[in-house]
């Protein structure tokens, strides 16, 4: 009787393994949670440029499969922020240069008018009888 129960149990166990344990409810695996956090982080970054979820993924799953991808996106985002800051600084310098160019152009025009007046005064003085 013991042998029959043992065989029955082994048969049941083999059946469950072969069917993939489909009748046993599965818990979320860490890889699924990591993938979900990556997806959430990517969506968050695309929507608002926030890196919170991707940073959490790197901290929570340091050996995870999605960590390198998250770190890559974080690095690209930081580079983009640095380039944006440089671009803004360059645009400010360009604006200052344009303003200075306009001021120098105005000064140049005034100096040309003054030079023409001085030339005319010199000509008038040379033509004046002594």
C-alpha atoms as a PDB file:
ATOM      1  CA  UNK A   1       0.000   0.000   0.000  1.00  0.00           C
ATOM      2  CA  UNK A   2       2.912   2.272   0.804  1.00  0.00           C
ATOM      3  CA  UNK A   3       4.445   1.641  -2.611  1.00  0.00           C
ATOM      4  CA  UNK A   4       1.188   2.495  -4.390  1.00  0.00           C
ATOM      5  CA  UNK A   5       0.864   5.772  -2.456  1.00  0.00           C
ATOM      6  CA  UNK A   6       4.475   6.607  -3.222  1.00  0.00           C
ATOM      7  CA  UNK A   7       3.955   5.902  -6.921  1.00  0.00           C
ATOM      8  CA  UNK A   8       0.754   7.908  -6.961  1.00  0.00           C
ATOM      9  CA  UNK A   9       2.534  10.837  -5.266  1.00  0.00           C
ATOM     10  CA  UNK A  10       5.468  10.635  -7.713  1.00  0.00           C
ATOM     11  CA  UNK A  11       3.030  10.550 -10.640  1.00  0.00           C
ATOM     12  CA  UNK A  12       1.188  13.573  -9.303  1.00  0.00           C
ATOM     13  CA  UNK A  13       4.441  15.444  -8.745  1.00  0.00           C
ATOM     14  CA  UNK A  14       5.671  14.602 -12.242  1.00  0.00           C
ATOM     15  CA  UNK A  15       2.376  15.762 -13.708  1.00  0.00           C
ATOM     16  CA  UNK A  16       2.606  19.095 -11.931  1.00  0.00           C
ATOM     17  CA  UNK A  17       6.171  19.615 -13.084  1.00  0.00           C
ATOM     18  CA  UNK A  18       5.329  18.692 -16.677  1.00  0.00           C
ATOM     19  CA  UNK A  19       2.350  21.033 -16.801  1.00  0.00           C
ATOM     20  CA  UNK A  20       4.493  23.851 -15.451  1.00  0.00           C
ATOM     21  CA  UNK A  21       2.679  24.032 -12.171  1.00  0.00           C
ATOM     22  CA  UNK A  22      -0.021  26.028 -13.924  1.00  0.00           C
ATOM     23  CA  UNK A  23      -2.522  25.414 -11.173  1.00  0.00           C
ATOM     24  CA  UNK A  24      -0.214  26.880  -8.493  1.00  0.00           C
ATOM     25  CA  UNK A  25      -0.476  30.680  -8.269  1.00  0.00           C
ATOM     26  CA  UNK A  26       2.862  32.334  -9.057  1.00  0.00           C
ATOM     27  CA  UNK A  27       4.298  35.234  -7.141  1.00  0.00           C
ATOM     28  CA  UNK A  28       5.954  38.063  -8.988  1.00  0.00           C
ATOM     29  CA  UNK A  29       9.590  37.258  -9.576  1.00  0.00           C
ATOM     30  CA  UNK A  30      12.230  39.894  -8.827  1.00  0.00           C
ATOM     31  CA  UNK A  31      13.088  40.035 -12.536  1.00  0.00           C
ATOM     32  CA  UNK A  32       9.466  40.953 -13.306  1.00  0.00           C
ATOM     33  CA  UNK A  33       9.507  43.661 -10.650  1.00  0.00           C
ATOM     34  CA  UNK A  34      12.792  44.974 -12.011  1.00  0.00           C
ATOM     35  CA  UNK A  35      11.442  45.034 -15.561  1.00  0.00           C
ATOM     36  CA  UNK A  36       8.291  46.768 -14.366  1.00  0.00           C
ATOM     37  CA  UNK A  37      10.350  49.381 -12.492  1.00  0.00           C
ATOM     38  CA  UNK A  38      12.477  49.939 -15.617  1.00  0.00           C
ATOM     39  CA  UNK A  39       9.371  50.414 -17.750  1.00  0.00           C
ATOM     40  CA  UNK A  40       7.904  52.791 -15.178  1.00  0.00           C
ATOM     41  CA  UNK A  41      11.179  54.698 -15.000  1.00  0.00           C
ATOM     42  CA  UNK A  42      11.441  55.005 -18.769  1.00  0.00           C
ATOM     43  CA  UNK A  43       7.844  56.230 -19.013  1.00  0.00           C
ATOM     44  CA  UNK A  44       8.498  58.691 -16.190  1.00  0.00           C
ATOM     45  CA  UNK A  45      11.642  59.997 -17.880  1.00  0.00           C
ATOM     46  CA  UNK A  46       9.933  60.405 -21.249  1.00  0.00           C
ATOM     47  CA  UNK A  47       6.969  62.201 -19.683  1.00  0.00           C
ATOM     48  CA  UNK A  48       8.766  64.536 -17.269  1.00  0.00           C
ATOM     49  CA  UNK A  49      12.550  63.990 -17.537  1.00  0.00           C
ATOM     50  CA  UNK A  50      12.487  62.585 -13.992  1.00  0.00           C
ATOM     51  CA  UNK A  51      14.999  59.852 -13.174  1.00  0.00           C
ATOM     52  CA  UNK A  52      13.589  58.773  -9.793  1.00  0.00           C
ATOM     53  CA  UNK A  53      12.344  55.310 -10.773  1.00  0.00           C
ATOM     54  CA  UNK A  54      15.452  54.492 -12.821  1.00  0.00           C
ATOM     55  CA  UNK A  55      17.669  55.571  -9.926  1.00  0.00           C
ATOM     56  CA  UNK A  56      15.610  53.378  -7.578  1.00  0.00           C
ATOM     57  CA  UNK A  57      16.093  50.446  -9.947  1.00  0.00           C
ATOM     58  CA  UNK A  58      19.887  50.875  -9.889  1.00  0.00           C
ATOM     59  CA  UNK A  59      19.878  51.023  -6.084  1.00  0.00           C
ATOM     60  CA  UNK A  60      17.359  48.206  -5.535  1.00  0.00           C
ATOM     61  CA  UNK A  61      18.776  45.777  -8.127  1.00  0.00           C
ATOM     62  CA  UNK A  62      22.561  46.363  -8.254  1.00  0.00           C
ATOM     63  CA  UNK A  63      23.107  42.992  -9.963  1.00  0.00           C
ATOM     64  CA  UNK A  64      19.919  43.156 -12.034  1.00  0.00           C
ATOM     65  CA  UNK A  65      19.561  42.543 -15.716  1.00  0.00           C
ATOM     66  CA  UNK A  66      17.967  45.969 -16.304  1.00  0.00           C
ATOM     67  CA  UNK A  67      20.507  47.957 -14.246  1.00  0.00           C
ATOM     68  CA  UNK A  68      22.949  48.598 -17.141  1.00  0.00           C
ATOM     69  CA  UNK A  69      20.110  49.897 -19.299  1.00  0.00           C
ATOM     70  CA  UNK A  70      18.877  52.163 -16.511  1.00  0.00           C
ATOM     71  CA  UNK A  71      22.404  53.447 -15.874  1.00  0.00           C
ATOM     72  CA  UNK A  72      22.812  54.134 -19.587  1.00  0.00           C
ATOM     73  CA  UNK A  73      19.633  56.195 -19.682  1.00  0.00           C
ATOM     74  CA  UNK A  74      20.636  58.050 -16.500  1.00  0.00           C
ATOM     75  CA  UNK A  75      24.055  58.837 -18.004  1.00  0.00           C
ATOM     76  CA  UNK A  76      22.496  60.057 -21.262  1.00  0.00           C
ATOM     77  CA  UNK A  77      20.035  62.202 -19.320  1.00  0.00           C
ATOM     78  CA  UNK A  78      22.861  63.772 -17.314  1.00  0.00           C
ATOM     79  CA  UNK A  79      24.823  64.471 -20.495  1.00  0.00           C
ATOM     80  CA  UNK A  80      21.723  66.025 -22.020  1.00  0.00           C
ATOM     81  CA  UNK A  81      21.286  68.255 -18.957  1.00  0.00           C
ATOM     82  CA  UNK A  82      24.942  69.334 -19.162  1.00  0.00           C
ATOM     83  CA  UNK A  83      24.599  70.101 -22.861  1.00  0.00           C
ATOM     84  CA  UNK A  84      21.393  72.017 -22.186  1.00  0.00           C
ATOM     85  CA  UNK A  85      23.194  74.099 -19.540  1.00  0.00           C
ATOM     86  CA  UNK A  86      26.086  74.782 -21.945  1.00  0.00           C
ATOM     87  CA  UNK A  87      23.626  75.718 -24.683  1.00  0.00           C
ATOM     88  CA  UNK A  88      21.814  78.117 -22.359  1.00  0.00           C
ATOM     89  CA  UNK A  89      25.126  79.713 -21.335  1.00  0.00           C
ATOM     90  CA  UNK A  90      26.163  80.048 -24.996  1.00  0.00           C
ATOM     91  CA  UNK A  91      22.808  81.614 -25.867  1.00  0.00           C
ATOM     92  CA  UNK A  92      23.253  84.144 -23.050  1.00  0.00           C
ATOM     93  CA  UNK A  93      26.748  84.987 -24.322  1.00  0.00           C
ATOM     94  CA  UNK A  94      25.373  85.357 -27.845  1.00  0.00           C
ATOM     95  CA  UNK A  95      22.664  87.707 -26.611  1.00  0.00           C
ATOM     96  CA  UNK A  96      25.280  89.820 -24.775  1.00  0.00           C
ATOM     97  CA  UNK A  97      27.461  89.901 -27.891  1.00  0.00           C
ATOM     98  CA  UNK A  98      24.538  91.008 -30.064  1.00  0.00           C
ATOM     99  CA  UNK A  99      23.654  93.754 -27.596  1.00  0.00           C
ATOM    100  CA  UNK A 100      27.288  94.878 -27.472  1.00  0.00           C
ATOM    101  CA  UNK A 101      27.504  94.791 -31.285  1.00  0.00           C
ATOM    102  CA  UNK A 102      24.431  97.017 -31.564  1.00  0.00           C
ATOM    103  CA  UNK A 103      25.889  99.471 -29.033  1.00  0.00           C
ATOM    104  CA  UNK A 104      29.235  99.519 -30.860  1.00  0.00           C
ATOM    105  CA  UNK A 105      27.451 100.027 -34.196  1.00  0.00           C
ATOM    106  CA  UNK A 106      25.597 103.029 -32.765  1.00  0.00           C
ATOM    107  CA  UNK A 107      28.845 104.446 -31.321  1.00  0.00           C
ATOM    108  CA  UNK A 108      30.556 103.913 -34.678  1.00  0.00           C
ATOM    109  CA  UNK A 109      27.833 105.829 -36.505  1.00  0.00           C
ATOM    110  CA  UNK A 110      28.122 108.741 -34.042  1.00  0.00           C
ATOM    111  CA  UNK A 111      31.902 108.762 -34.424  1.00  0.00           C
ATOM    112  CA  UNK A 112      31.621 108.801 -38.226  1.00  0.00           C
ATOM    113  CA  UNK A 113      29.258 111.782 -38.051  1.00  0.00           C
ATOM    114  CA  UNK A 114      31.643 113.548 -35.642  1.00  0.00           C
ATOM    115  CA  UNK A 115      34.605 112.781 -37.926  1.00  0.00           C
ATOM    116  CA  UNK A 116      32.777 114.226 -40.935  1.00  0.00           C
ATOM    117  CA  UNK A 117      31.962 117.375 -38.927  1.00  0.00           C
ATOM    118  CA  UNK A 118      35.604 117.698 -37.840  1.00  0.00           C
ATOM    119  CA  UNK A 119      36.756 117.302 -41.455  1.00  0.00           C
ATOM    120  CA  UNK A 120      34.342 120.033 -42.492  1.00  0.00           C
ATOM    121  CA  UNK A 121      35.587 122.319 -39.700  1.00  0.00           C
ATOM    122  CA  UNK A 122      39.193 121.700 -40.824  1.00  0.00           C
ATOM    123  CA  UNK A 123      38.303 122.491 -44.413  1.00  0.00           C
ATOM    124  CA  UNK A 124      36.465 125.647 -43.317  1.00  0.00           C
ATOM    125  CA  UNK A 125      39.478 126.750 -41.230  1.00  0.00           C
ATOM    126  CA  UNK A 126      41.870 126.219 -44.159  1.00  0.00           C
ATOM    127  CA  UNK A 127      39.646 128.163 -46.516  1.00  0.00           C
ATOM    128  CA  UNK A 128      39.153 131.044 -44.112  1.00  0.00           C
ATOM    129  CA  UNK A 129      41.220 134.121 -44.907  1.00  0.00           C
ATOM    130  CA  UNK A 130      43.709 135.087 -42.272  1.00  0.00           C
END
